[in-house]
């Protein structure tokens, strides 16, 4: 087995909940209103550090789609799916996009969060 090279992401991102592998930038979220069998899901324009499974036809709430399951390339956990083709013209916007199930991913905590009791630090002088 060869060495695994991961794409690192700059900025706020989502990671695999199981092994902490970076998956997608927060800026690449198209929609946070998707649903899956296990609950909420996010639609992304781009993801990294994943592998895809075999193409299959799947009947979903929005119609029949050709999809591929998406897996974390480090731990192999299934994360969601990607839309290969949609059979309904109104759903064509999903083609080439990725759905990651919310409970399988974690949003990276950024350094912007304050650790001083909820007060935001400021570099502006106090004019009081």
N, C-alpha and C. Protein backbone atom coordinates (compact mmCIF):
# COMPACT_ATOMS: atom_id res chain seq x y z
N UNK A 1 0.84 -1.17 0.00
CA UNK A 1 0.00 0.00 0.00
C UNK A 1 0.89 1.23 0.00
N UNK A 2 0.57 2.22 -0.84
CA UNK A 2 1.38 3.42 -0.96
C UNK A 2 1.05 4.45 0.09
N UNK A 3 1.82 5.50 0.08
CA UNK A 3 1.62 6.60 1.01
C UNK A 3 0.41 7.43 0.58
N UNK A 4 -0.37 7.86 1.54
CA UNK A 4 -1.58 8.64 1.28
C UNK A 4 -1.24 10.13 1.32
N UNK A 5 -1.51 10.83 0.23
CA UNK A 5 -1.30 12.28 0.18
C UNK A 5 -2.65 12.97 0.25
N UNK A 6 -2.83 13.82 1.24
CA UNK A 6 -4.09 14.52 1.42
C UNK A 6 -3.97 15.96 0.96
N UNK A 7 -5.05 16.48 0.44
CA UNK A 7 -5.13 17.89 0.09
C UNK A 7 -5.46 18.66 1.36
N UNK A 8 -4.64 19.62 1.73
CA UNK A 8 -4.92 20.47 2.89
C UNK A 8 -5.73 21.66 2.42
N UNK A 9 -6.62 22.14 3.25
CA UNK A 9 -7.49 23.26 2.89
C UNK A 9 -7.16 24.46 3.75
N UNK A 10 -7.14 25.62 3.13
CA UNK A 10 -6.90 26.89 3.83
C UNK A 10 -8.25 27.54 4.13
N UNK A 11 -8.47 27.92 5.36
CA UNK A 11 -9.72 28.57 5.73
C UNK A 11 -10.64 27.60 6.47
N UNK A 12 -11.84 28.10 6.79
CA UNK A 12 -12.82 27.30 7.52
C UNK A 12 -13.25 26.13 6.65
N UNK A 13 -13.23 24.92 7.21
CA UNK A 13 -13.56 23.76 6.40
C UNK A 13 -14.32 22.72 7.22
N UNK A 14 -14.84 21.74 6.49
CA UNK A 14 -15.49 20.59 7.09
C UNK A 14 -14.55 19.41 6.98
N UNK A 15 -14.58 18.55 8.02
CA UNK A 15 -13.67 17.41 8.11
C UNK A 15 -14.46 16.14 8.37
N UNK A 16 -13.85 15.01 8.06
CA UNK A 16 -14.45 13.72 8.37
C UNK A 16 -14.56 13.61 9.90
N UNK A 17 -15.74 13.31 10.40
CA UNK A 17 -15.96 13.18 11.84
C UNK A 17 -15.20 11.99 12.43
N UNK A 18 -14.84 11.03 11.60
CA UNK A 18 -14.24 9.79 12.08
C UNK A 18 -12.71 9.84 12.13
N UNK A 19 -12.08 10.60 11.20
CA UNK A 19 -10.61 10.61 11.17
C UNK A 19 -10.02 12.01 11.00
N UNK A 20 -10.85 13.04 10.95
CA UNK A 20 -10.42 14.44 10.90
C UNK A 20 -9.78 14.85 9.57
N UNK A 21 -10.00 14.10 8.51
CA UNK A 21 -9.47 14.46 7.19
C UNK A 21 -10.24 15.66 6.64
N UNK A 22 -9.55 16.69 6.11
CA UNK A 22 -10.26 17.82 5.51
C UNK A 22 -11.03 17.38 4.26
N UNK A 23 -12.27 17.88 4.12
CA UNK A 23 -13.13 17.45 3.03
C UNK A 23 -13.58 18.59 2.12
N UNK A 24 -13.96 19.71 2.70
CA UNK A 24 -14.54 20.79 1.88
C UNK A 24 -14.45 22.11 2.61
N UNK A 25 -14.31 23.17 1.83
CA UNK A 25 -14.31 24.51 2.40
C UNK A 25 -15.74 24.95 2.72
N UNK A 26 -15.89 25.70 3.79
CA UNK A 26 -17.20 26.24 4.14
C UNK A 26 -17.74 27.11 3.01
N UNK A 27 -16.85 27.77 2.27
CA UNK A 27 -17.27 28.62 1.15
C UNK A 27 -17.86 27.81 -0.01
N UNK A 28 -17.63 26.50 -0.03
CA UNK A 28 -18.14 25.65 -1.11
C UNK A 28 -19.52 25.06 -0.81
N UNK A 29 -20.12 25.44 0.33
CA UNK A 29 -21.48 24.98 0.65
C UNK A 29 -22.46 25.74 -0.25
N UNK A 30 -23.26 24.99 -0.99
CA UNK A 30 -24.30 25.58 -1.84
C UNK A 30 -25.62 25.65 -1.08
N UNK A 31 -25.92 24.59 -0.31
CA UNK A 31 -27.18 24.54 0.44
C UNK A 31 -26.99 23.74 1.72
N UNK A 32 -27.61 24.22 2.79
CA UNK A 32 -27.62 23.50 4.07
C UNK A 32 -28.99 22.89 4.34
N UNK A 33 -29.85 22.86 3.34
CA UNK A 33 -31.24 22.41 3.54
C UNK A 33 -31.54 21.05 2.94
N UNK A 34 -30.53 20.27 2.62
CA UNK A 34 -30.77 18.94 2.07
C UNK A 34 -31.09 17.97 3.20
N UNK A 35 -31.80 16.92 2.85
CA UNK A 35 -32.13 15.87 3.81
C UNK A 35 -31.70 14.53 3.25
N UNK A 36 -31.38 13.62 4.15
CA UNK A 36 -31.04 12.25 3.76
C UNK A 36 -31.73 11.32 4.75
N UNK A 37 -31.54 10.04 4.57
CA UNK A 37 -32.20 9.07 5.46
C UNK A 37 -31.85 9.29 6.92
N UNK A 38 -30.64 9.73 7.19
CA UNK A 38 -30.16 9.89 8.56
C UNK A 38 -30.34 11.31 9.11
N UNK A 39 -30.97 12.21 8.33
CA UNK A 39 -31.17 13.58 8.82
C UNK A 39 -30.70 14.62 7.82
N UNK A 40 -30.09 15.68 8.33
CA UNK A 40 -29.67 16.81 7.52
C UNK A 40 -28.42 16.48 6.70
N UNK A 41 -28.27 17.23 5.60
CA UNK A 41 -27.10 17.08 4.74
C UNK A 41 -26.81 18.42 4.08
N UNK A 42 -25.57 18.60 3.62
CA UNK A 42 -25.16 19.82 2.94
C UNK A 42 -24.79 19.49 1.50
N UNK A 43 -25.14 20.40 0.58
CA UNK A 43 -24.76 20.28 -0.82
C UNK A 43 -23.52 21.14 -1.03
N UNK A 44 -22.45 20.54 -1.58
CA UNK A 44 -21.18 21.21 -1.82
C UNK A 44 -20.89 21.26 -3.31
N UNK A 45 -20.23 22.32 -3.73
CA UNK A 45 -19.79 22.43 -5.12
C UNK A 45 -18.51 21.64 -5.36
N UNK A 46 -17.73 21.44 -4.31
CA UNK A 46 -16.44 20.75 -4.46
C UNK A 46 -16.07 20.08 -3.14
N UNK A 47 -15.49 18.88 -3.22
CA UNK A 47 -14.93 18.21 -2.06
C UNK A 47 -13.58 17.62 -2.45
N UNK A 48 -12.75 17.34 -1.46
CA UNK A 48 -11.43 16.76 -1.68
C UNK A 48 -11.25 15.57 -0.75
N UNK A 49 -10.21 14.81 -1.00
CA UNK A 49 -9.84 13.69 -0.13
C UNK A 49 -10.94 12.63 -0.01
N UNK A 50 -11.63 12.38 -1.13
CA UNK A 50 -12.67 11.36 -1.15
C UNK A 50 -12.44 10.42 -2.34
N UNK A 51 -13.05 9.27 -2.25
CA UNK A 51 -13.15 8.34 -3.37
C UNK A 51 -14.63 8.12 -3.64
N UNK A 52 -14.94 7.66 -4.84
CA UNK A 52 -16.35 7.43 -5.18
C UNK A 52 -16.56 5.96 -5.51
N UNK A 53 -17.79 5.52 -5.29
CA UNK A 53 -18.16 4.15 -5.56
C UNK A 53 -18.70 4.00 -6.97
N UNK A 54 -19.39 2.92 -7.19
CA UNK A 54 -19.97 2.60 -8.49
C UNK A 54 -21.20 3.47 -8.76
N UNK A 55 -21.41 3.78 -10.03
CA UNK A 55 -22.62 4.50 -10.43
C UNK A 55 -23.83 3.61 -10.22
N UNK A 56 -24.90 4.24 -9.72
CA UNK A 56 -26.15 3.51 -9.57
C UNK A 56 -27.33 4.46 -9.71
N UNK A 57 -28.45 3.93 -10.14
CA UNK A 57 -29.68 4.71 -10.22
C UNK A 57 -30.33 4.66 -8.84
N UNK A 58 -30.71 5.83 -8.34
CA UNK A 58 -31.32 5.89 -7.01
C UNK A 58 -32.55 6.77 -7.06
N UNK A 59 -33.65 6.26 -6.54
CA UNK A 59 -34.88 7.04 -6.44
C UNK A 59 -34.83 7.81 -5.12
N UNK A 60 -34.88 9.14 -5.24
CA UNK A 60 -34.81 10.01 -4.07
C UNK A 60 -36.08 10.86 -4.00
N UNK A 61 -36.20 11.66 -2.97
CA UNK A 61 -37.37 12.53 -2.84
C UNK A 61 -37.54 13.45 -4.03
N UNK A 62 -36.44 13.86 -4.64
CA UNK A 62 -36.50 14.80 -5.77
C UNK A 62 -36.53 14.09 -7.13
N UNK A 63 -36.66 12.76 -7.13
CA UNK A 63 -36.72 12.03 -8.39
C UNK A 63 -35.61 11.01 -8.51
N UNK A 64 -35.46 10.47 -9.71
CA UNK A 64 -34.43 9.46 -9.97
C UNK A 64 -33.15 10.15 -10.44
N UNK A 65 -32.05 9.74 -9.84
CA UNK A 65 -30.74 10.31 -10.16
C UNK A 65 -29.73 9.18 -10.33
N UNK A 66 -28.72 9.42 -11.16
CA UNK A 66 -27.55 8.55 -11.21
C UNK A 66 -26.56 9.14 -10.22
N UNK A 67 -26.15 8.34 -9.23
CA UNK A 67 -25.28 8.83 -8.16
C UNK A 67 -24.12 7.87 -7.94
N UNK A 68 -23.11 8.37 -7.24
CA UNK A 68 -22.00 7.55 -6.75
C UNK A 68 -21.83 7.87 -5.28
N UNK A 69 -21.72 6.86 -4.44
CA UNK A 69 -21.45 7.11 -3.04
C UNK A 69 -20.06 7.71 -2.89
N UNK A 70 -19.88 8.54 -1.86
CA UNK A 70 -18.62 9.24 -1.60
C UNK A 70 -18.06 8.71 -0.27
N UNK A 71 -16.76 8.35 -0.27
CA UNK A 71 -16.10 7.78 0.89
C UNK A 71 -14.87 8.62 1.26
N UNK A 72 -14.56 8.70 2.54
CA UNK A 72 -13.33 9.34 2.99
C UNK A 72 -12.15 8.51 2.48
N UNK A 73 -11.16 9.17 1.89
CA UNK A 73 -10.02 8.42 1.33
C UNK A 73 -9.08 7.91 2.43
N UNK A 74 -9.17 8.45 3.64
CA UNK A 74 -8.29 7.99 4.72
C UNK A 74 -8.90 6.81 5.48
N UNK A 75 -10.14 6.96 5.97
CA UNK A 75 -10.72 5.91 6.82
C UNK A 75 -11.75 5.04 6.11
N UNK A 76 -12.18 5.44 4.92
CA UNK A 76 -13.13 4.64 4.15
C UNK A 76 -14.59 4.80 4.54
N UNK A 77 -14.87 5.66 5.51
CA UNK A 77 -16.25 5.88 5.96
C UNK A 77 -17.08 6.49 4.84
N UNK A 78 -18.30 6.00 4.64
CA UNK A 78 -19.19 6.63 3.67
C UNK A 78 -19.62 7.99 4.23
N UNK A 79 -19.58 9.02 3.37
CA UNK A 79 -19.88 10.38 3.80
C UNK A 79 -21.15 10.93 3.16
N UNK A 80 -21.50 10.41 1.99
CA UNK A 80 -22.65 10.91 1.26
C UNK A 80 -22.63 10.39 -0.16
N UNK A 81 -22.94 11.27 -1.13
CA UNK A 81 -22.97 10.87 -2.53
C UNK A 81 -22.72 12.06 -3.43
N UNK A 82 -22.45 11.78 -4.69
CA UNK A 82 -22.32 12.81 -5.70
C UNK A 82 -23.33 12.52 -6.80
N UNK A 83 -23.91 13.58 -7.33
CA UNK A 83 -24.87 13.44 -8.43
C UNK A 83 -24.11 13.38 -9.75
N UNK A 84 -24.28 12.29 -10.48
CA UNK A 84 -23.67 12.13 -11.80
C UNK A 84 -24.64 12.66 -12.85
N UNK A 85 -25.91 12.29 -12.74
CA UNK A 85 -26.92 12.74 -13.70
C UNK A 85 -28.28 12.77 -13.04
N UNK A 86 -29.10 13.69 -13.50
CA UNK A 86 -30.48 13.80 -13.03
C UNK A 86 -31.40 13.53 -14.21
N UNK A 87 -32.49 12.83 -13.97
CA UNK A 87 -33.43 12.52 -15.03
C UNK A 87 -34.53 13.58 -15.16
N UNK A 88 -34.56 14.52 -14.23
CA UNK A 88 -35.54 15.61 -14.24
C UNK A 88 -34.81 16.91 -14.55
N UNK A 89 -35.28 17.64 -15.55
CA UNK A 89 -34.61 18.88 -15.96
C UNK A 89 -34.48 19.87 -14.81
N UNK A 90 -35.45 19.92 -13.92
CA UNK A 90 -35.40 20.89 -12.81
C UNK A 90 -34.33 20.53 -11.78
N UNK A 91 -33.78 19.33 -11.86
CA UNK A 91 -32.77 18.88 -10.90
C UNK A 91 -31.36 18.86 -11.49
N UNK A 92 -31.19 19.32 -12.72
CA UNK A 92 -29.89 19.30 -13.41
C UNK A 92 -28.81 20.08 -12.65
N UNK A 93 -29.21 21.08 -11.86
CA UNK A 93 -28.23 21.88 -11.12
C UNK A 93 -27.42 21.05 -10.13
N UNK A 94 -27.91 19.88 -9.76
CA UNK A 94 -27.23 19.01 -8.80
C UNK A 94 -26.08 18.21 -9.43
N UNK A 95 -26.09 18.09 -10.75
CA UNK A 95 -25.08 17.28 -11.41
C UNK A 95 -23.67 17.80 -11.13
N UNK A 96 -22.79 16.90 -10.75
CA UNK A 96 -21.42 17.27 -10.42
C UNK A 96 -21.24 17.81 -9.01
N UNK A 97 -22.32 17.88 -8.25
CA UNK A 97 -22.27 18.39 -6.87
C UNK A 97 -22.22 17.22 -5.89
N UNK A 98 -21.86 17.52 -4.64
CA UNK A 98 -21.67 16.51 -3.61
C UNK A 98 -22.59 16.77 -2.43
N UNK A 99 -23.17 15.72 -1.90
CA UNK A 99 -23.97 15.80 -0.68
C UNK A 99 -23.21 15.06 0.41
N UNK A 100 -22.92 15.77 1.49
CA UNK A 100 -22.28 15.15 2.66
C UNK A 100 -23.28 15.18 3.80
N UNK A 101 -23.49 14.02 4.42
CA UNK A 101 -24.43 13.92 5.52
C UNK A 101 -23.86 14.64 6.73
N UNK A 102 -24.69 15.49 7.33
CA UNK A 102 -24.24 16.37 8.42
C UNK A 102 -23.64 15.60 9.60
N UNK A 103 -24.21 14.48 9.97
CA UNK A 103 -23.72 13.76 11.14
C UNK A 103 -22.39 13.05 10.88
N UNK A 104 -21.96 12.99 9.61
CA UNK A 104 -20.70 12.34 9.27
C UNK A 104 -19.53 13.32 9.11
N UNK A 105 -19.83 14.61 9.20
CA UNK A 105 -18.78 15.63 9.04
C UNK A 105 -18.78 16.55 10.25
N UNK A 106 -17.66 17.24 10.44
CA UNK A 106 -17.53 18.19 11.55
C UNK A 106 -16.95 19.48 11.00
N UNK A 107 -17.50 20.59 11.44
CA UNK A 107 -16.95 21.88 11.01
C UNK A 107 -15.74 22.19 11.88
N UNK A 108 -14.66 22.57 11.22
CA UNK A 108 -13.42 22.88 11.93
C UNK A 108 -13.62 24.14 12.77
N UNK A 109 -13.15 24.08 14.00
CA UNK A 109 -13.20 25.25 14.87
C UNK A 109 -12.08 26.19 14.44
N UNK A 110 -12.42 27.44 14.19
CA UNK A 110 -11.42 28.39 13.72
C UNK A 110 -10.83 29.18 14.87
N UNK A 111 -9.71 29.80 14.61
CA UNK A 111 -9.03 30.61 15.61
C UNK A 111 -9.78 31.89 15.90
N UNK A 112 -10.78 32.23 15.06
CA UNK A 112 -11.55 33.45 15.26
C UNK A 112 -12.41 33.39 16.51
N UNK A 113 -12.67 32.17 17.01
CA UNK A 113 -13.49 32.05 18.19
C UNK A 113 -12.71 32.53 19.40
N UNK A 114 -13.36 33.30 20.23
CA UNK A 114 -12.71 33.86 21.40
C UNK A 114 -12.76 32.88 22.56
N UNK A 115 -11.68 32.80 23.30
CA UNK A 115 -11.62 31.92 24.45
C UNK A 115 -11.69 32.71 25.76
N UNK A 116 -12.04 34.00 25.71
CA UNK A 116 -12.05 34.82 26.91
C UNK A 116 -13.47 35.09 27.41
N UNK A 117 -14.25 34.03 27.56
CA UNK A 117 -15.57 34.16 28.15
C UNK A 117 -16.62 34.74 27.21
N UNK A 118 -16.43 34.63 25.93
CA UNK A 118 -17.43 35.08 25.00
C UNK A 118 -17.28 36.52 24.55
N UNK A 119 -16.32 37.26 25.14
CA UNK A 119 -16.07 38.63 24.72
C UNK A 119 -15.13 38.62 23.53
N UNK A 120 -15.45 39.43 22.53
CA UNK A 120 -14.60 39.48 21.34
C UNK A 120 -13.45 40.45 21.56
N UNK A 121 -12.27 39.99 21.29
CA UNK A 121 -11.08 40.84 21.41
C UNK A 121 -11.10 41.86 20.29
N UNK A 122 -10.63 43.06 20.57
CA UNK A 122 -10.61 44.11 19.57
C UNK A 122 -9.29 44.84 19.64
N UNK A 123 -8.79 45.23 18.47
CA UNK A 123 -7.55 45.99 18.45
C UNK A 123 -7.83 47.49 18.45
N UNK A 124 -9.12 47.88 18.43
CA UNK A 124 -9.47 49.29 18.46
C UNK A 124 -9.35 49.81 19.88
N UNK A 125 -8.82 51.03 20.07
CA UNK A 125 -8.72 51.59 21.42
C UNK A 125 -10.11 51.92 21.95
N UNK A 126 -10.25 51.83 23.25
CA UNK A 126 -11.52 52.15 23.90
C UNK A 126 -11.63 53.66 24.02
N UNK A 127 -12.67 54.22 23.41
CA UNK A 127 -12.86 55.66 23.42
C UNK A 127 -13.79 56.13 24.53
N UNK A 128 -13.97 55.36 25.61
CA UNK A 128 -14.90 55.80 26.64
C UNK A 128 -14.23 56.66 27.67
